[in-house]
Amino acid sequence: MYETVKYEVRDHVAWMTLNRPEKLNAFTTQLNKEVRDAIKSAQKDEDVRCLVITGEGRSFCSGQDLSEVDEETDLGEVLRKNYGPMMKQLESCEKPVIAAINGVAAGAGLSLALGCDFRLASDKASFVQAFIHVGLIPDSGNLYYLPRLIGHAKALELAVLGEKISAEEAKDLGLVTRVIAADHFMEEVEGFARRLASMPTRAIGLIKRCLRDSWHMDFNEYLEKEAQGQQIAGQSHDYQEGVQAFLEKRKPEFKGK
């Protein structure tokens, strides 16, 4: 199906693995396109209730493959045609998305992780704002997400200094959800993904939408957005199941509908 991505669905979880290990899963035009397509497939598939993005080998993603660009490359057009559409596809996904960061996340690879809802990091993982080292600014939505996660001052520090930080340092900053020992990393990622896949998927999507919209709405606008979201959630199968389970004093069995 794909050449630079592995994609499979099992137990309501879509697993997307960036698959250019010999290049530390660096982005090419093809990888950008296939990531975008895989996210779209996960969003459209009613059987999928969670998406996990990870990397093959020892890297999550090292950023742009520099062999694809030269001094004549219009980097603005590269963003408009490749990275912008990829990050928009990720941002519009209303299912929970986990970045399973198994190794280095650098440059646009770090941006990809920032765009996910949860970041689970191996204790062998590291994070690098690599752009400054080649005279560029962080892109692919990087400076949109980063200050929202760790604040303006720290975002500026990481972007300008470009220093590598460890998984534990990232956890202390609030950059990652949790740090997991490498020897049972994927086992814990699978457990976390199954947990999310068993939850009311539609409500999660509405939560994501409300949080995103809250950044650019005034309070009254937000309250109306909230009411609209609650109206949709209140018409779902999972709301009915949740109420019934509460009344019957049992654990709900959500279907993601």
Protein backbone atom coordinates (compact mmCIF):
# COMPACT_ATOMS: atom_id res chain seq x y z
CA MET A 1 0.00 0.00 0.00
CA TYR A 2 2.80 2.41 0.96
CA GLU A 3 6.55 2.48 0.34
CA THR A 4 7.77 4.75 3.13
CA VAL A 5 5.10 4.06 5.75
CA LYS A 6 3.88 0.89 7.42
CA TYR A 7 0.18 1.00 8.20
CA GLU A 8 -2.04 -1.54 9.92
CA VAL A 9 -5.19 -1.60 12.02
CA ARG A 10 -5.68 -3.93 14.95
CA ASP A 11 -8.04 -3.81 17.92
CA HIS A 12 -9.48 -0.45 16.75
CA VAL A 13 -6.01 1.15 16.72
CA ALA A 14 -4.30 2.32 13.51
CA TRP A 15 -0.52 1.98 13.64
CA MET A 16 1.48 4.20 11.30
CA THR A 17 5.23 3.64 11.29
CA LEU A 18 7.56 5.97 9.41
CA ASN A 19 9.68 3.49 7.50
CA ARG A 20 12.95 4.99 6.27
CA PRO A 21 15.18 3.70 9.08
CA GLU A 22 18.36 3.96 7.03
CA LYS A 23 17.70 7.74 6.84
CA LEU A 24 16.43 8.06 10.42
CA ASN A 25 12.91 8.34 8.95
CA ALA A 26 13.71 11.72 7.41
CA PHE A 27 10.92 13.33 5.43
CA THR A 28 10.77 13.21 1.67
CA THR A 29 7.95 14.43 -0.56
CA GLN A 30 6.73 10.85 -0.78
CA LEU A 31 6.81 10.31 2.99
CA ASN A 32 4.88 13.55 3.51
CA LYS A 33 2.23 12.40 1.08
CA GLU A 34 1.96 8.91 2.56
CA VAL A 35 1.70 10.23 6.13
CA ARG A 36 -1.08 12.53 5.00
CA ASP A 37 -2.90 9.69 3.26
CA ALA A 38 -2.53 7.34 6.24
CA ILE A 39 -3.96 9.93 8.65
CA LYS A 40 -6.88 10.44 6.27
CA SER A 41 -7.46 6.68 6.12
CA ALA A 42 -7.51 6.43 9.91
CA GLN A 43 -9.95 9.32 10.17
CA LYS A 44 -12.35 7.82 7.62
CA ASP A 45 -12.22 4.24 8.93
CA GLU A 46 -15.07 3.73 11.41
CA ASP A 47 -13.21 0.77 12.92
CA VAL A 48 -10.31 3.03 13.95
CA ARG A 49 -10.73 4.78 17.30
CA CYS A 50 -7.10 5.76 17.92
CA LEU A 51 -4.03 6.46 15.76
CA VAL A 52 -0.43 5.81 16.81
CA ILE A 53 2.48 7.36 14.89
CA THR A 54 5.97 5.98 15.50
CA GLY A 55 9.27 5.38 13.71
CA GLU A 56 11.06 2.29 12.47
CA GLY A 57 14.51 1.63 13.89
CA ARG A 58 16.30 3.99 16.26
CA SER A 59 14.67 7.27 15.26
CA PHE A 60 11.18 8.72 15.41
CA CYS A 61 11.88 11.24 12.65
CA SER A 62 14.96 13.35 12.01
CA GLY A 63 13.21 16.03 9.97
CA GLN A 64 13.65 16.92 6.30
CA ASP A 65 15.87 14.73 4.13
CA LEU A 66 18.32 17.41 3.01
CA SER A 67 19.27 15.41 -0.11
CA GLU A 68 15.91 16.51 -1.57
CA VAL A 69 16.65 20.24 -1.28
CA ASP A 70 19.37 22.54 -2.58
CA GLU A 71 20.14 26.25 -2.66
CA GLU A 72 17.54 26.78 -5.39
CA THR A 73 14.69 25.07 -3.52
CA ASP A 74 11.85 27.41 -2.57
CA LEU A 75 11.37 26.32 1.03
CA GLY A 76 8.14 28.28 1.35
CA GLU A 77 6.65 26.22 -1.46
CA VAL A 78 7.90 23.02 0.15
CA LEU A 79 5.94 23.97 3.26
CA ARG A 80 2.84 24.94 1.30
CA LYS A 81 2.81 21.75 -0.79
CA ASN A 82 4.12 19.13 1.67
CA TYR A 83 4.33 20.02 5.34
CA GLY A 84 1.39 22.40 5.59
CA PRO A 85 -1.09 19.89 4.12
CA MET A 86 0.36 17.11 6.30
CA MET A 87 -0.02 19.10 9.51
CA LYS A 88 -3.51 20.29 8.51
CA GLN A 89 -4.53 16.66 8.01
CA LEU A 90 -3.19 15.81 11.46
CA GLU A 91 -4.86 18.84 13.07
CA SER A 92 -8.23 17.98 11.54
CA CYS A 93 -8.19 14.36 12.77
CA GLU A 94 -10.90 14.07 15.42
CA LYS A 95 -9.67 10.75 16.76
CA PRO A 96 -7.00 10.63 19.48
CA VAL A 97 -3.48 10.59 18.04
CA ILE A 98 -0.44 9.30 19.93
CA ALA A 99 3.16 10.06 18.97
CA ALA A 100 5.17 7.05 20.17
CA ILE A 101 8.60 8.67 20.20
CA ASN A 102 11.04 5.78 20.10
CA GLY A 103 14.19 7.81 19.35
CA VAL A 104 15.27 11.23 18.16
CA ALA A 105 12.56 13.69 17.12
CA ALA A 106 14.25 16.56 15.32
CA GLY A 107 13.19 19.38 13.05
CA ALA A 108 9.89 18.63 11.33
CA GLY A 109 9.88 15.27 13.11
CA LEU A 110 9.55 17.17 16.37
CA SER A 111 6.80 19.27 14.78
CA LEU A 112 4.93 16.11 13.84
CA ALA A 113 5.11 14.92 17.44
CA LEU A 114 3.93 18.31 18.73
CA GLY A 115 0.87 18.10 16.51
CA CYS A 116 -0.26 14.84 18.12
CA ASP A 117 -2.55 14.74 21.14
CA PHE A 118 -0.30 12.63 23.35
CA ARG A 119 3.46 12.13 23.28
CA LEU A 120 4.76 8.92 24.82
CA ALA A 121 8.54 8.92 24.85
CA SER A 122 11.03 6.11 25.28
CA ASP A 123 13.67 6.94 27.85
CA LYS A 124 16.09 6.70 24.89
CA ALA A 125 14.25 9.45 22.99
CA SER A 126 15.59 12.96 22.50
CA PHE A 127 14.24 16.20 21.07
CA VAL A 128 16.04 18.79 18.95
CA GLN A 129 14.92 22.07 17.44
CA ALA A 130 17.38 21.53 14.61
CA PHE A 131 16.23 24.38 12.35
CA ILE A 132 18.49 27.06 13.87
CA HIS A 133 21.58 24.99 13.04
CA VAL A 134 20.95 25.49 9.32
CA GLY A 135 19.75 29.10 9.63
CA LEU A 136 16.03 28.37 9.45
CA ILE A 137 12.98 28.95 11.63
CA PRO A 138 10.98 26.06 13.14
CA ASP A 139 8.23 25.10 10.71
CA SER A 140 5.40 22.62 10.18
CA GLY A 141 3.35 24.29 12.89
CA ASN A 142 6.18 23.97 15.41
CA LEU A 143 5.93 27.46 16.92
CA TYR A 144 2.15 27.24 16.95
CA TYR A 145 2.12 24.14 19.16
CA LEU A 146 5.26 24.58 21.26
CA PRO A 147 4.36 27.72 23.28
CA ARG A 148 0.90 26.29 23.93
CA LEU A 149 2.58 23.27 25.50
CA ILE A 150 5.52 24.78 27.39
CA GLY A 151 5.05 28.58 27.35
CA HIS A 152 6.56 31.41 25.32
CA ALA A 153 9.90 31.76 27.11
CA LYS A 154 10.83 28.07 26.98
CA ALA A 155 9.65 27.78 23.38
CA LEU A 156 11.93 30.67 22.42
CA GLU A 157 14.82 29.12 24.33
CA LEU A 158 14.51 25.76 22.58
CA ALA A 159 14.02 27.33 19.16
CA VAL A 160 16.96 29.73 19.38
CA LEU A 161 19.51 27.62 21.25
CA GLY A 162 18.68 24.39 19.43
CA GLU A 163 20.00 22.23 22.24
CA LYS A 164 19.14 18.55 22.43
CA ILE A 165 16.97 17.66 25.41
CA SER A 166 16.41 14.24 26.90
CA ALA A 167 13.07 12.50 27.38
CA GLU A 168 13.15 13.29 31.10
CA GLU A 169 13.87 16.97 30.43
CA ALA A 170 11.00 17.00 27.94
CA LYS A 171 8.72 15.50 30.59
CA ASP A 172 9.72 18.16 33.11
CA LEU A 173 8.87 20.86 30.56
CA GLY A 174 5.44 19.36 29.89
CA LEU A 175 6.45 18.44 26.35
CA VAL A 176 5.65 14.73 26.71
CA THR A 177 2.82 12.86 28.42
CA ARG A 178 5.02 10.22 29.98
CA VAL A 179 8.45 8.60 29.69
CA ILE A 180 8.64 4.82 29.35
CA ALA A 181 11.59 2.46 29.72
CA ALA A 182 12.82 1.40 26.28
CA ASP A 183 12.70 -2.33 27.04
CA HIS A 184 8.90 -2.31 27.34
CA PHE A 185 8.11 0.86 25.41
CA MET A 186 5.81 -0.54 22.73
CA GLU A 187 3.99 -2.72 25.25
CA GLU A 188 2.99 0.35 27.25
CA VAL A 189 2.17 2.32 24.11
CA GLU A 190 -0.20 -0.47 23.07
CA GLY A 191 -1.88 -0.40 26.46
CA PHE A 192 -2.32 3.37 26.32
CA ALA A 193 -3.69 3.16 22.76
CA ARG A 194 -6.15 0.41 23.70
CA ARG A 195 -7.35 2.54 26.60
CA LEU A 196 -8.06 5.49 24.29
CA ALA A 197 -9.67 3.19 21.71
CA SER A 198 -12.12 1.95 24.35
CA MET A 199 -13.30 5.47 25.21
CA PRO A 200 -16.15 7.50 23.63
CA THR A 201 -14.39 8.52 20.42
CA ARG A 202 -16.92 11.12 19.36
CA ALA A 203 -16.63 12.93 22.70
CA ILE A 204 -12.83 12.95 22.34
CA GLY A 205 -13.16 14.53 18.92
CA LEU A 206 -15.47 17.20 20.29
CA ILE A 207 -13.08 17.89 23.18
CA LYS A 208 -10.25 18.38 20.66
CA ARG A 209 -12.42 20.71 18.58
CA CYS A 210 -13.49 22.81 21.59
CA LEU A 211 -9.95 23.15 22.89
CA ARG A 212 -8.67 24.19 19.47
CA ASP A 213 -11.43 26.77 18.98
CA SER A 214 -11.08 28.18 22.50
CA TRP A 215 -7.78 29.87 21.56
CA HIS A 216 -9.42 32.29 19.14
CA MET A 217 -12.95 32.76 20.55
CA ASP A 218 -14.19 35.15 23.17
CA PHE A 219 -15.98 33.61 26.15
CA ASN A 220 -19.51 34.06 24.85
CA GLU A 221 -18.61 32.55 21.48
CA TYR A 222 -16.98 29.64 23.25
CA LEU A 223 -20.05 28.96 25.41
CA GLU A 224 -22.15 28.65 22.25
CA LYS A 225 -19.54 26.33 20.70
CA GLU A 226 -19.64 24.27 23.88
CA ALA A 227 -23.43 24.04 23.77
CA GLN A 228 -23.31 22.87 20.16
CA GLY A 229 -20.72 20.25 21.03
CA GLN A 230 -22.69 18.99 24.00
CA GLN A 231 -25.80 18.74 21.85
CA ILE A 232 -23.93 16.49 19.41
CA ALA A 233 -22.42 14.40 22.22
CA GLY A 234 -25.82 14.06 23.87
CA GLN A 235 -27.21 12.43 20.73
CA SER A 236 -24.49 9.76 20.59
CA HIS A 237 -24.77 6.07 21.35
CA ASP A 238 -21.92 6.38 23.85
CA TYR A 239 -23.79 9.00 25.90
CA GLN A 240 -26.79 6.68 26.16
CA GLU A 241 -24.51 3.79 27.09
CA GLY A 242 -22.65 5.88 29.67
CA VAL A 243 -25.86 6.93 31.41
CA GLN A 244 -27.28 3.41 31.32
CA ALA A 245 -24.07 1.94 32.71
CA PHE A 246 -24.07 4.51 35.50
CA LEU A 247 -27.64 3.65 36.45
CA GLU A 248 -26.88 -0.06 36.33
CA LYS A 249 -23.63 0.40 38.28
CA ARG A 250 -21.49 -1.31 35.65
CA LYS A 251 -18.57 -0.35 33.43
CA PRO A 252 -19.73 1.23 30.15
CA GLU A 253 -18.91 -0.41 26.83
CA PHE A 254 -18.40 2.46 24.44
CA LYS A 255 -18.61 1.89 20.69
CA GLY A 256 -17.18 5.18 19.47
CA LYS A 257 -20.54 6.17 17.99
